[in-house]
């Protein structure tokens, strides 16, 4: 399992989510969570989901 936490004033965007995806692949994680005190960017929310290894991160 990979968990990434962000306590940001700005929105979390694609770059950070792609870093989480890369980390899950390097460490062979089957589950990934991203926890944030802010929001996801409009572009990322519009995308809706991202394939991560054998699973999916749902936005």
Protein backbone atom coordinates (compact mmCIF):
# COMPACT_ATOMS: atom_id res chain seq x y z
CA UNK A 1 0.00 0.00 0.00
CA UNK A 2 1.22 3.49 -0.84
CA UNK A 3 -0.16 6.53 0.98
CA UNK A 4 0.77 10.09 0.13
CA UNK A 5 -0.47 12.95 2.32
CA UNK A 6 -0.50 16.59 1.23
CA UNK A 7 -1.25 19.50 3.56
CA UNK A 8 -1.22 22.23 0.93
CA UNK A 9 -2.90 25.57 0.40
CA UNK A 10 -2.87 25.02 -3.37
CA UNK A 11 -4.67 22.29 -5.28
CA UNK A 12 -3.03 18.91 -5.89
CA UNK A 13 -2.38 18.38 -9.60
CA UNK A 14 -1.33 15.75 -12.10
CA UNK A 15 2.40 15.94 -11.28
CA UNK A 16 1.91 14.78 -7.69
CA UNK A 17 -0.49 12.01 -8.64
CA UNK A 18 1.95 10.77 -11.29
CA UNK A 19 4.67 10.67 -8.60
CA UNK A 20 2.37 8.48 -6.51
CA UNK A 21 1.80 6.24 -9.54
CA UNK A 22 5.55 5.90 -10.09
CA UNK A 23 6.11 5.03 -6.42
CA UNK A 24 3.47 2.31 -6.51
CA UNK A 25 5.12 0.75 -9.56
CA UNK A 26 8.62 0.89 -8.04
CA UNK A 27 7.44 -0.69 -4.78
CA UNK A 28 4.90 -3.10 -6.35
CA UNK A 29 1.94 -1.68 -4.43
CA UNK A 30 -1.54 -2.86 -5.30
CA UNK A 31 -3.32 -0.03 -3.43
CA UNK A 32 -2.62 3.70 -3.44
CA UNK A 33 -4.26 6.47 -1.43
CA UNK A 34 -3.79 10.20 -1.60
CA UNK A 35 -5.01 12.26 1.33
CA UNK A 36 -5.12 16.04 1.09
CA UNK A 37 -6.41 19.00 3.07
CA UNK A 38 -6.92 20.91 -0.18
CA UNK A 39 -8.61 19.95 -3.45
CA UNK A 40 -7.56 18.29 -6.67
CA UNK A 41 -7.18 20.49 -9.75
CA UNK A 42 -10.13 20.74 -12.11
CA UNK A 43 -8.14 18.91 -14.80
CA UNK A 44 -7.45 15.99 -12.46
CA UNK A 45 -11.05 15.82 -11.19
CA UNK A 46 -12.29 15.83 -14.81
CA UNK A 47 -10.07 12.84 -15.51
CA UNK A 48 -11.88 10.90 -12.77
CA UNK A 49 -9.43 8.04 -12.31
CA UNK A 50 -5.86 6.95 -12.97
CA UNK A 51 -4.57 3.42 -13.48
CA UNK A 52 -1.97 2.60 -10.83
CA UNK A 53 -0.18 -0.71 -11.19
CA UNK A 54 -2.87 -3.37 -10.97
CA UNK A 55 -5.45 -1.00 -9.51
CA UNK A 56 -7.05 2.38 -9.92
CA UNK A 57 -6.83 5.67 -8.04
CA UNK A 58 -10.28 7.22 -8.13
CA UNK A 59 -10.49 11.00 -7.87
